[in-house]
Each structure stands twice: as C-alpha cells, then as structure tokens.
C-alpha cells in the first residue's frame, strides 16, 4: 500500500482541511484551442480511477481517512516512502471534463529531484483533449487559509505544458487552481465552478527548463501567487469560501513532475 511520504505535522484543525474574466468549460475541445475560451456544455460527474484500473479509490485506501498520527501544522508530501507506480495514501485520480480516459499519475524515480529521487508525476495523459483538466488530489487534508507550495518540472506536452496547485476543492468540478504554462509563458489563477474555468489573474513570466517552485496563499477571499520566490499574482475571489481538498493539476496532454508538496495552515504560515 502506498504511504504518505512524510508528515511534518498533519491535518489542520482550523485552516488546513480537504476544493477564471475568461471562461472555459472543461470538455473535449479542438487541439490547439486557446486556453481561455467559452464553451457551453457542463461536464458530468468525473470518474475516480486507479492509474491503470477500474473505477475505484486511489491506491492509498479510503480517500476520506486522514493518515494516522496527523496533527495541527504543516503537512508535507515528499513521496520518498511511496513505492514507484503507486499513489500517496488518500489521493485519487480524477478529471474535470468528460469522455476521455483518465491520465496516469504515479510516483516515479527521478534522478534530478531533490532532496530525494521520488516524485509524483503525470506520466501519460491517455487522451488528446484540450479541454480536459487532469487532477490528482486528496480530501484527507482540508485547506481553508494559509499557504501551499510545490516544486514542479514541466516535461512534455504538445497542446499544453506545466501545471500547478488546486485547493478548496469540493470535487472534480469545483475548486481554485493556479498554474504555470511554459508554452504561453504565463502564470494564472482560476476558479473552476461546475466544470467551467474562469481566469481571475494572470502574469507574463518566462522560466527556464528545469525545477521551479510555485507557492499560493489564500486568506479569506484574498489570493496571492509566487514563482521561485517572486510574487506575481494578487487577486480577490469569494467563489469557494469553505475549506476543501488540495492537490495537483495539469491540462490536456501536459506531463509534469511534482515534488515537496507542502500545505501550511494560516496559524502556522502567517
């Protein structure tokens, strides 16, 4: 059974708990379509599936069960104790959008990752839908206010590349997301509500190929976003005022590696 790699303190009692002007529905779209676009169809409920199997909860067991020993404070996944091919305990693979196979997410051994070799990666999108959003997330940690950070490495993608962090997730159709796209050289903050994505803030930025760090902060309706320590986004949005799940996100065929995923409640992070 895959295990959560490391918990530097665990579930938050008060802040960490398990969830864009432009509008875009997550539904099959033409390859190469603009990222911020308007679509009409609302997607049906997303399936939940193990990376290569039938509909089920992800390989770590019950998605709603917090790990043993969790307590207040920063929660860290470094994936070092998760066997290659597995997922962290309590994480599930889902998608915003319909009619396409789920992407393959799994822990892999990446020699260039630090401090250890294991990372969580989308290794195969298994579809070519420009309007599908690929999710790997957990309800076991519920996030309201505080900060979330992750190291990421954009590996491949013809339609899209990169990815980012989702939070306050209610389910696969409703959440906040911040993502970096190296094909477009921009960093953006979105709401995804009922499967429809709306952009709330955007910044043009170029990052060289390699590992980078993304950090987001949310306090009430106030969002801030950083790349490699540089603050680039600042916006307000009250679409999702309640605590929700946290996780990782890519779009379309973007294959990306993630490491050192940290969730810090406001009481520990401010």
C-alpha atoms as a PDB file:
ATOM      1  CA  UNK A   1       0.000   0.000   0.000  1.00  0.00           C
ATOM      2  CA  UNK A   2       1.342   3.402  -0.929  1.00  0.00           C
ATOM      3  CA  UNK A   3       2.023   5.621   2.051  1.00  0.00           C
ATOM      4  CA  UNK A   4       2.220   9.361   2.511  1.00  0.00           C
ATOM      5  CA  UNK A   5       5.896  10.075   2.403  1.00  0.00           C
ATOM      6  CA  UNK A   6       6.378  12.450   5.301  1.00  0.00           C
ATOM      7  CA  UNK A   7       4.099  14.419   7.612  1.00  0.00           C
ATOM      8  CA  UNK A   8       5.835  17.245   9.367  1.00  0.00           C
ATOM      9  CA  UNK A   9       2.704  17.792  11.482  1.00  0.00           C
ATOM     10  CA  UNK A  10      -0.583  16.941   9.929  1.00  0.00           C
ATOM     11  CA  UNK A  11      -4.133  17.852   9.478  1.00  0.00           C
ATOM     12  CA  UNK A  12      -5.173  21.276  10.403  1.00  0.00           C
ATOM     13  CA  UNK A  13      -7.913  21.776  12.848  1.00  0.00           C
ATOM     14  CA  UNK A  14      -8.506  25.378  11.887  1.00  0.00           C
ATOM     15  CA  UNK A  15      -7.095  26.140   8.486  1.00  0.00           C
ATOM     16  CA  UNK A  16      -5.895  23.148   6.534  1.00  0.00           C
ATOM     17  CA  UNK A  17      -8.755  20.903   5.623  1.00  0.00           C
ATOM     18  CA  UNK A  18      -9.929  18.604   2.151  1.00  0.00           C
ATOM     19  CA  UNK A  19     -11.955  22.033  -3.356  1.00  0.00           C
ATOM     20  CA  UNK A  20     -11.036  32.436 -14.105  1.00  0.00           C
ATOM     21  CA  UNK A  21     -12.563  37.227 -16.728  1.00  0.00           C
ATOM     22  CA  UNK A  22     -12.135  34.452 -19.312  1.00  0.00           C
ATOM     23  CA  UNK A  23     -14.454  31.457 -19.233  1.00  0.00           C
ATOM     24  CA  UNK A  24     -13.799  27.882 -20.339  1.00  0.00           C
ATOM     25  CA  UNK A  25     -15.752  24.697 -19.837  1.00  0.00           C
ATOM     26  CA  UNK A  26     -13.695  21.571 -19.285  1.00  0.00           C
ATOM     27  CA  UNK A  27     -14.979  19.492 -22.150  1.00  0.00           C
ATOM     28  CA  UNK A  28     -13.389  17.975 -25.265  1.00  0.00           C
ATOM     29  CA  UNK A  29     -12.132  20.782 -27.482  1.00  0.00           C
ATOM     30  CA  UNK A  30     -10.091  21.132 -30.640  1.00  0.00           C
ATOM     31  CA  UNK A  31      -6.380  20.613 -30.183  1.00  0.00           C
ATOM     32  CA  UNK A  32      -4.596  23.935 -30.027  1.00  0.00           C
ATOM     33  CA  UNK A  33      -7.671  25.842 -28.895  1.00  0.00           C
ATOM     34  CA  UNK A  34      -6.944  28.942 -26.843  1.00  0.00           C
ATOM     35  CA  UNK A  35      -6.652  28.265 -23.154  1.00  0.00           C
ATOM     36  CA  UNK A  36      -9.152  30.886 -22.046  1.00  0.00           C
ATOM     37  CA  UNK A  37     -12.259  30.303 -24.108  1.00  0.00           C
ATOM     38  CA  UNK A  38     -16.005  29.948 -23.683  1.00  0.00           C
ATOM     39  CA  UNK A  39     -17.711  26.590 -24.028  1.00  0.00           C
ATOM     40  CA  UNK A  40     -21.306  25.644 -23.421  1.00  0.00           C
ATOM     41  CA  UNK A  41     -21.562  22.091 -22.158  1.00  0.00           C
ATOM     42  CA  UNK A  42     -21.335  21.383 -18.452  1.00  0.00           C
ATOM     43  CA  UNK A  43     -19.415  18.155 -17.814  1.00  0.00           C
ATOM     44  CA  UNK A  44     -20.977  15.278 -15.962  1.00  0.00           C
ATOM     45  CA  UNK A  45     -19.532  13.917 -12.716  1.00  0.00           C
ATOM     46  CA  UNK A  46     -15.928  12.773 -13.094  1.00  0.00           C
ATOM     47  CA  UNK A  47     -14.895   9.188 -12.566  1.00  0.00           C
ATOM     48  CA  UNK A  48     -12.372   8.106  -9.973  1.00  0.00           C
ATOM     49  CA  UNK A  49      -9.848   5.518 -11.018  1.00  0.00           C
ATOM     50  CA  UNK A  50      -6.555   3.970 -10.112  1.00  0.00           C
ATOM     51  CA  UNK A  51      -3.821   4.756 -12.652  1.00  0.00           C
ATOM     52  CA  UNK A  52      -4.382   1.580 -14.639  1.00  0.00           C
ATOM     53  CA  UNK A  53      -7.519   0.053 -13.218  1.00  0.00           C
ATOM     54  CA  UNK A  54     -11.269   0.050 -12.914  1.00  0.00           C
ATOM     55  CA  UNK A  55     -13.180   2.853 -11.188  1.00  0.00           C
ATOM     56  CA  UNK A  56     -12.053   2.866  -7.556  1.00  0.00           C
ATOM     57  CA  UNK A  57     -10.452   4.959  -4.882  1.00  0.00           C
ATOM     58  CA  UNK A  58      -6.743   5.561  -5.451  1.00  0.00           C
ATOM     59  CA  UNK A  59      -4.164   3.125  -4.196  1.00  0.00           C
ATOM     60  CA  UNK A  60      -3.717   4.581  -0.714  1.00  0.00           C
ATOM     61  CA  UNK A  61      -7.063   3.428   0.718  1.00  0.00           C
ATOM     62  CA  UNK A  62     -10.086   5.421   1.837  1.00  0.00           C
ATOM     63  CA  UNK A  63      -9.792   8.927   0.378  1.00  0.00           C
ATOM     64  CA  UNK A  64     -11.609  10.447   3.362  1.00  0.00           C
ATOM     65  CA  UNK A  65      -9.438   8.899   6.084  1.00  0.00           C
ATOM     66  CA  UNK A  66      -6.668  11.144   7.437  1.00  0.00           C
ATOM     67  CA  UNK A  67      -3.309   9.433   7.931  1.00  0.00           C
ATOM     68  CA  UNK A  68      -2.566   8.099  11.371  1.00  0.00           C
ATOM     69  CA  UNK A  69      -0.677  10.494  13.606  1.00  0.00           C
ATOM     70  CA  UNK A  70      -1.820  13.645  11.809  1.00  0.00           C
ATOM     71  CA  UNK A  71      -1.980  16.754  13.976  1.00  0.00           C
ATOM     72  CA  UNK A  72      -2.061  20.514  13.545  1.00  0.00           C
ATOM     73  CA  UNK A  73       0.680  22.140  11.455  1.00  0.00           C
ATOM     74  CA  UNK A  74       2.385  21.865   8.091  1.00  0.00           C
ATOM     75  CA  UNK A  75       1.635  18.761   6.050  1.00  0.00           C
ATOM     76  CA  UNK A  76       4.413  17.619   3.698  1.00  0.00           C
ATOM     77  CA  UNK A  77       4.416  15.000   0.957  1.00  0.00           C
ATOM     78  CA  UNK A  78       7.914  14.288  -0.376  1.00  0.00           C
ATOM     79  CA  UNK A  79       6.816  10.882  -1.800  1.00  0.00           C
ATOM     80  CA  UNK A  80      10.003   9.116  -0.652  1.00  0.00           C
ATOM     81  CA  UNK A  81       8.114   6.358   1.163  1.00  0.00           C
ATOM     82  CA  UNK A  82       5.706   5.719  -1.718  1.00  0.00           C
ATOM     83  CA  UNK A  83       6.708   2.849  -3.987  1.00  0.00           C
ATOM     84  CA  UNK A  84       7.212   3.723  -7.673  1.00  0.00           C
ATOM     85  CA  UNK A  85       3.979   3.131  -9.552  1.00  0.00           C
ATOM     86  CA  UNK A  86       1.830   3.955  -6.521  1.00  0.00           C
ATOM     87  CA  UNK A  87      -0.005   6.982  -5.180  1.00  0.00           C
ATOM     88  CA  UNK A  88       0.131   8.601  -1.742  1.00  0.00           C
ATOM     89  CA  UNK A  89      -2.448   7.280   0.705  1.00  0.00           C
ATOM     90  CA  UNK A  90      -5.784   9.040   0.362  1.00  0.00           C
ATOM     91  CA  UNK A  91      -5.071  10.563  -3.077  1.00  0.00           C
ATOM     92  CA  UNK A  92      -7.321   9.967  -6.101  1.00  0.00           C
ATOM     93  CA  UNK A  93      -7.003  10.459  -9.854  1.00  0.00           C
ATOM     94  CA  UNK A  94      -9.891  12.346 -11.459  1.00  0.00           C
ATOM     95  CA  UNK A  95     -10.601  14.740 -14.329  1.00  0.00           C
ATOM     96  CA  UNK A  96     -12.629  17.839 -14.978  1.00  0.00           C
ATOM     97  CA  UNK A  97     -14.255  17.038 -18.303  1.00  0.00           C
ATOM     98  CA  UNK A  98     -15.903  14.030 -19.854  1.00  0.00           C
ATOM     99  CA  UNK A  99     -15.497  11.378 -22.496  1.00  0.00           C
ATOM    100  CA  UNK A 100     -11.771  10.748 -22.191  1.00  0.00           C
ATOM    101  CA  UNK A 101      -9.670   8.168 -20.299  1.00  0.00           C
ATOM    102  CA  UNK A 102      -8.137   9.348 -17.050  1.00  0.00           C
ATOM    103  CA  UNK A 103      -4.475  10.334 -17.098  1.00  0.00           C
ATOM    104  CA  UNK A 104      -1.860   8.133 -15.447  1.00  0.00           C
ATOM    105  CA  UNK A 105      -0.461   9.668 -12.255  1.00  0.00           C
ATOM    106  CA  UNK A 106       2.143   7.742 -10.264  1.00  0.00           C
ATOM    107  CA  UNK A 107       5.210   8.094  -8.097  1.00  0.00           C
ATOM    108  CA  UNK A 108       8.379   7.674 -10.166  1.00  0.00           C
ATOM    109  CA  UNK A 109      12.100   7.714  -9.514  1.00  0.00           C
ATOM    110  CA  UNK A 110      13.531  10.980 -10.887  1.00  0.00           C
ATOM    111  CA  UNK A 111      17.285  11.282 -10.529  1.00  0.00           C
ATOM    112  CA  UNK A 112      17.298  15.094 -10.758  1.00  0.00           C
ATOM    113  CA  UNK A 113      14.799  15.678  -7.924  1.00  0.00           C
ATOM    114  CA  UNK A 114      15.887  16.988  -4.535  1.00  0.00           C
ATOM    115  CA  UNK A 115      16.160  16.128  -1.722  1.00  0.00           C
ATOM    116  CA  UNK A 116      15.150  12.577  -2.731  1.00  0.00           C
ATOM    117  CA  UNK A 117      14.522  10.799  -6.032  1.00  0.00           C
ATOM    118  CA  UNK A 118      10.787  10.055  -5.707  1.00  0.00           C
ATOM    119  CA  UNK A 119       8.295  12.478  -7.273  1.00  0.00           C
ATOM    120  CA  UNK A 120       4.598  12.374  -8.167  1.00  0.00           C
ATOM    121  CA  UNK A 121       4.178  12.648 -11.924  1.00  0.00           C
ATOM    122  CA  UNK A 122       1.591  12.657 -14.649  1.00  0.00           C
ATOM    123  CA  UNK A 123       3.404  10.198 -16.877  1.00  0.00           C
ATOM    124  CA  UNK A 124       0.771   9.724 -19.591  1.00  0.00           C
ATOM    125  CA  UNK A 125      -2.301  11.840 -20.364  1.00  0.00           C
ATOM    126  CA  UNK A 126      -4.028   8.929 -22.167  1.00  0.00           C
ATOM    127  CA  UNK A 127      -6.052  11.429 -24.224  1.00  0.00           C
ATOM    128  CA  UNK A 128      -5.595  14.421 -26.533  1.00  0.00           C
ATOM    129  CA  UNK A 129      -8.464  16.578 -25.260  1.00  0.00           C
ATOM    130  CA  UNK A 130      -7.525  20.250 -24.997  1.00  0.00           C
ATOM    131  CA  UNK A 131     -10.486  20.824 -22.697  1.00  0.00           C
ATOM    132  CA  UNK A 132      -9.763  18.147 -20.088  1.00  0.00           C
ATOM    133  CA  UNK A 133      -8.136  19.021 -16.756  1.00  0.00           C
ATOM    134  CA  UNK A 134      -6.165  16.227 -15.062  1.00  0.00           C
ATOM    135  CA  UNK A 135      -6.366  16.062 -11.259  1.00  0.00           C
ATOM    136  CA  UNK A 136      -4.547  14.120  -8.560  1.00  0.00           C
ATOM    137  CA  UNK A 137      -5.786  15.266  -5.163  1.00  0.00           C
ATOM    138  CA  UNK A 138      -6.865  14.377  -1.653  1.00  0.00           C
ATOM    139  CA  UNK A 139      -9.782  15.146   0.665  1.00  0.00           C
ATOM    140  CA  UNK A 140      -7.857  13.879   3.687  1.00  0.00           C
ATOM    141  CA  UNK A 141      -6.347  17.332   4.215  1.00  0.00           C
ATOM    142  CA  UNK A 142      -8.851  20.185   4.195  1.00  0.00           C
ATOM    143  CA  UNK A 143      -7.440  23.614   3.398  1.00  0.00           C
ATOM    144  CA  UNK A 144      -9.095  26.946   4.153  1.00  0.00           C
ATOM    145  CA  UNK A 145      -6.495  29.650   4.813  1.00  0.00           C
ATOM    146  CA  UNK A 146      -2.712  29.502   4.675  1.00  0.00           C
ATOM    147  CA  UNK A 147      -0.093  28.610   2.066  1.00  0.00           C
ATOM    148  CA  UNK A 148       0.564  25.722  -0.312  1.00  0.00           C
ATOM    149  CA  UNK A 149       3.792  25.180  -2.227  1.00  0.00           C
ATOM    150  CA  UNK A 150       5.187  22.595  -4.622  1.00  0.00           C
ATOM    151  CA  UNK A 151       8.250  22.055  -6.766  1.00  0.00           C
ATOM    152  CA  UNK A 152       7.423  21.210 -10.386  1.00  0.00           C
ATOM    153  CA  UNK A 153       9.149  20.245 -13.627  1.00  0.00           C
ATOM    154  CA  UNK A 154       7.296  20.582 -16.951  1.00  0.00           C
ATOM    155  CA  UNK A 155       8.291  17.537 -19.014  1.00  0.00           C
ATOM    156  CA  UNK A 156       6.187  17.387 -22.179  1.00  0.00           C
ATOM    157  CA  UNK A 157       3.006  18.400 -23.958  1.00  0.00           C
ATOM    158  CA  UNK A 158       2.017  19.430 -27.457  1.00  0.00           C
ATOM    159  CA  UNK A 159      -1.302  21.100 -26.588  1.00  0.00           C
ATOM    160  CA  UNK A 160      -0.348  22.274 -23.113  1.00  0.00           C
ATOM    161  CA  UNK A 161       2.527  22.081 -20.640  1.00  0.00           C
ATOM    162  CA  UNK A 162       3.178  22.741 -16.973  1.00  0.00           C
ATOM    163  CA  UNK A 163       0.522  22.655 -14.292  1.00  0.00           C
ATOM    164  CA  UNK A 164       0.030  23.692 -10.707  1.00  0.00           C
ATOM    165  CA  UNK A 165      -1.855  23.577  -7.416  1.00  0.00           C
ATOM    166  CA  UNK A 166      -5.560  23.139  -6.702  1.00  0.00           C
ATOM    167  CA  UNK A 167      -7.191  23.940  -3.353  1.00  0.00           C
ATOM    168  CA  UNK A 168     -10.514  24.381  -1.544  1.00  0.00           C
ATOM    169  CA  UNK A 169     -11.752  21.611  -3.826  1.00  0.00           C
ATOM    170  CA  UNK A 170     -15.361  20.467  -3.363  1.00  0.00           C
ATOM    171  CA  UNK A 171     -14.905  17.843  -6.065  1.00  0.00           C
ATOM    172  CA  UNK A 172     -13.509  17.368  -9.550  1.00  0.00           C
ATOM    173  CA  UNK A 173     -15.711  20.126 -10.992  1.00  0.00           C
ATOM    174  CA  UNK A 174     -15.308  22.824  -8.311  1.00  0.00           C
ATOM    175  CA  UNK A 175     -12.017  24.257  -6.999  1.00  0.00           C
ATOM    176  CA  UNK A 176      -9.406  27.004  -7.192  1.00  0.00           C
ATOM    177  CA  UNK A 177      -6.290  26.419  -9.300  1.00  0.00           C
ATOM    178  CA  UNK A 178      -3.064  28.294 -10.012  1.00  0.00           C
ATOM    179  CA  UNK A 179      -0.888  27.091 -12.840  1.00  0.00           C
ATOM    180  CA  UNK A 180       2.203  27.965 -14.913  1.00  0.00           C
ATOM    181  CA  UNK A 181       2.271  27.256 -18.670  1.00  0.00           C
ATOM    182  CA  UNK A 182       5.733  27.357 -20.309  1.00  0.00           C
ATOM    183  CA  UNK A 183       4.220  27.261 -23.808  1.00  0.00           C
ATOM    184  CA  UNK A 184       2.452  30.551 -23.111  1.00  0.00           C
ATOM    185  CA  UNK A 185       4.941  31.948 -20.578  1.00  0.00           C
ATOM    186  CA  UNK A 186       2.236  32.882 -18.113  1.00  0.00           C
ATOM    187  CA  UNK A 187       1.149  32.206 -14.528  1.00  0.00           C
ATOM    188  CA  UNK A 188      -2.600  32.294 -13.851  1.00  0.00           C
ATOM    189  CA  UNK A 189      -5.197  31.985 -11.091  1.00  0.00           C
ATOM    190  CA  UNK A 190      -8.589  30.463 -11.945  1.00  0.00           C
ATOM    191  CA  UNK A 191     -11.847  29.351 -10.452  1.00  0.00           C
ATOM    192  CA  UNK A 192     -13.324  26.105 -11.787  1.00  0.00           C
ATOM    193  CA  UNK A 193     -17.026  26.038 -10.942  1.00  0.00           C
ATOM    194  CA  UNK A 194     -19.401  23.440 -12.337  1.00  0.00           C
ATOM    195  CA  UNK A 195     -16.585  22.404 -14.663  1.00  0.00           C
ATOM    196  CA  UNK A 196     -16.271  25.915 -16.141  1.00  0.00           C
ATOM    197  CA  UNK A 197     -12.950  27.705 -15.708  1.00  0.00           C
ATOM    198  CA  UNK A 198     -12.729  31.481 -15.265  1.00  0.00           C
ATOM    199  CA  UNK A 199      -9.468  33.397 -15.137  1.00  0.00           C
ATOM    200  CA  UNK A 200      -9.085  35.779 -12.198  1.00  0.00           C
ATOM    201  CA  UNK A 201      -5.475  36.929 -12.521  1.00  0.00           C
ATOM    202  CA  UNK A 202      -2.599  36.497 -14.981  1.00  0.00           C
ATOM    203  CA  UNK A 203       1.077  37.445 -15.198  1.00  0.00           C
ATOM    204  CA  UNK A 204       3.508  37.011 -18.083  1.00  0.00           C
ATOM    205  CA  UNK A 205       6.681  35.256 -16.958  1.00  0.00           C
ATOM    206  CA  UNK A 206       9.382  33.073 -18.530  1.00  0.00           C
ATOM    207  CA  UNK A 207      11.035  30.221 -16.648  1.00  0.00           C
ATOM    208  CA  UNK A 208      13.985  28.247 -17.954  1.00  0.00           C
ATOM    209  CA  UNK A 209      13.631  24.491 -18.306  1.00  0.00           C
ATOM    210  CA  UNK A 210      14.138  22.698 -15.006  1.00  0.00           C
ATOM    211  CA  UNK A 211      12.741  22.532 -11.486  1.00  0.00           C
ATOM    212  CA  UNK A 212      10.851  25.532 -10.098  1.00  0.00           C
ATOM    213  CA  UNK A 213       8.739  26.315  -7.036  1.00  0.00           C
ATOM    214  CA  UNK A 214       5.151  27.552  -7.008  1.00  0.00           C
ATOM    215  CA  UNK A 215       3.544  28.951  -3.871  1.00  0.00           C
ATOM    216  CA  UNK A 216       0.000  30.163  -3.310  1.00  0.00           C
ATOM    217  CA  UNK A 217      -1.550  31.868  -0.292  1.00  0.00           C
ATOM    218  CA  UNK A 218      -5.261  32.201   0.499  1.00  0.00           C
ATOM    219  CA  UNK A 219      -6.736  34.188   3.381  1.00  0.00           C
ATOM    220  CA  UNK A 220     -10.490  34.645   3.148  1.00  0.00           C
ATOM    221  CA  UNK A 221     -11.104  35.866  -0.409  1.00  0.00           C
ATOM    222  CA  UNK A 222      -7.531  37.147  -0.884  1.00  0.00           C
ATOM    223  CA  UNK A 223      -5.233  35.122  -3.183  1.00  0.00           C
ATOM    224  CA  UNK A 224      -1.512  35.637  -3.805  1.00  0.00           C
ATOM    225  CA  UNK A 225       0.837  33.624  -6.036  1.00  0.00           C
ATOM    226  CA  UNK A 226       4.629  33.277  -6.320  1.00  0.00           C
ATOM    227  CA  UNK A 227       7.042  31.555  -8.696  1.00  0.00           C
ATOM    228  CA  UNK A 228      10.570  30.923  -7.423  1.00  0.00           C
ATOM    229  CA  UNK A 229      10.004  33.399  -4.591  1.00  0.00           C
ATOM    230  CA  UNK A 230       8.776  36.207  -6.844  1.00  0.00           C
ATOM    231  CA  UNK A 231       5.242  37.451  -6.166  1.00  0.00           C
ATOM    232  CA  UNK A 232       3.377  37.725  -9.467  1.00  0.00           C
ATOM    233  CA  UNK A 233      -0.342  37.371  -8.720  1.00  0.00           C
ATOM    234  CA  UNK A 234      -2.685  39.162  -6.312  1.00  0.00           C
ATOM    235  CA  UNK A 235      -6.475  38.921  -6.568  1.00  0.00           C
ATOM    236  CA  UNK A 236      -9.716  38.525  -4.645  1.00  0.00           C
ATOM    237  CA  UNK A 237     -12.428  35.947  -5.191  1.00  0.00           C
ATOM    238  CA  UNK A 238     -15.155  34.540  -2.935  1.00  0.00           C
ATOM    239  CA  UNK A 239     -16.411  31.668  -5.106  1.00  0.00           C
ATOM    240  CA  UNK A 240     -15.318  28.977  -2.628  1.00  0.00           C
ATOM    241  CA  UNK A 241     -15.448  30.334   0.944  1.00  0.00           C
ATOM    242  CA  UNK A 242     -15.229  26.944   2.674  1.00  0.00           C
ATOM    243  CA  UNK A 243     -12.363  24.533   3.296  1.00  0.00           C
ATOM    244  CA  UNK A 244     -11.755  21.900   0.646  1.00  0.00           C
ATOM    245  CA  UNK A 245      -9.320  19.370  -0.728  1.00  0.00           C
ATOM    246  CA  UNK A 246      -5.843  20.018  -2.111  1.00  0.00           C
ATOM    247  CA  UNK A 247      -3.789  18.550  -4.912  1.00  0.00           C
ATOM    248  CA  UNK A 248      -2.114  18.863  -8.284  1.00  0.00           C
ATOM    249  CA  UNK A 249      -3.403  19.802 -11.734  1.00  0.00           C
ATOM    250  CA  UNK A 250      -2.424  19.745 -15.395  1.00  0.00           C
ATOM    251  CA  UNK A 251      -4.361  20.451 -18.569  1.00  0.00           C
ATOM    252  CA  UNK A 252      -4.779  18.371 -21.740  1.00  0.00           C
ATOM    253  CA  UNK A 253      -1.582  16.449 -22.575  1.00  0.00           C
ATOM    254  CA  UNK A 254       0.735  18.257 -20.135  1.00  0.00           C
ATOM    255  CA  UNK A 255       3.085  15.736 -18.486  1.00  0.00           C
ATOM    256  CA  UNK A 256       4.652  17.198 -15.345  1.00  0.00           C
ATOM    257  CA  UNK A 257       6.569  16.030 -12.259  1.00  0.00           C
ATOM    258  CA  UNK A 258       5.845  17.398  -8.776  1.00  0.00           C
ATOM    259  CA  UNK A 259       7.755  17.158  -5.503  1.00  0.00           C
ATOM    260  CA  UNK A 260       7.803  18.526  -1.946  1.00  0.00           C
ATOM    261  CA  UNK A 261       4.093  19.402  -1.746  1.00  0.00           C
ATOM    262  CA  UNK A 262       3.520  21.452   1.415  1.00  0.00           C
ATOM    263  CA  UNK A 263       0.262  22.630   2.978  1.00  0.00           C
ATOM    264  CA  UNK A 264       0.548  25.116   5.842  1.00  0.00           C
ATOM    265  CA  UNK A 265      -2.489  26.451   7.714  1.00  0.00           C
ATOM    266  CA  UNK A 266      -2.721  30.157   8.449  1.00  0.00           C
ATOM    267  CA  UNK A 267      -1.923  29.660  12.134  1.00  0.00           C
ATOM    268  CA  UNK A 268       1.447  28.152  11.167  1.00  0.00           C
ATOM    269  CA  UNK A 269       2.154  30.092   7.974  1.00  0.00           C
ATOM    270  CA  UNK A 270       1.453  33.758   8.795  1.00  0.00           C
END
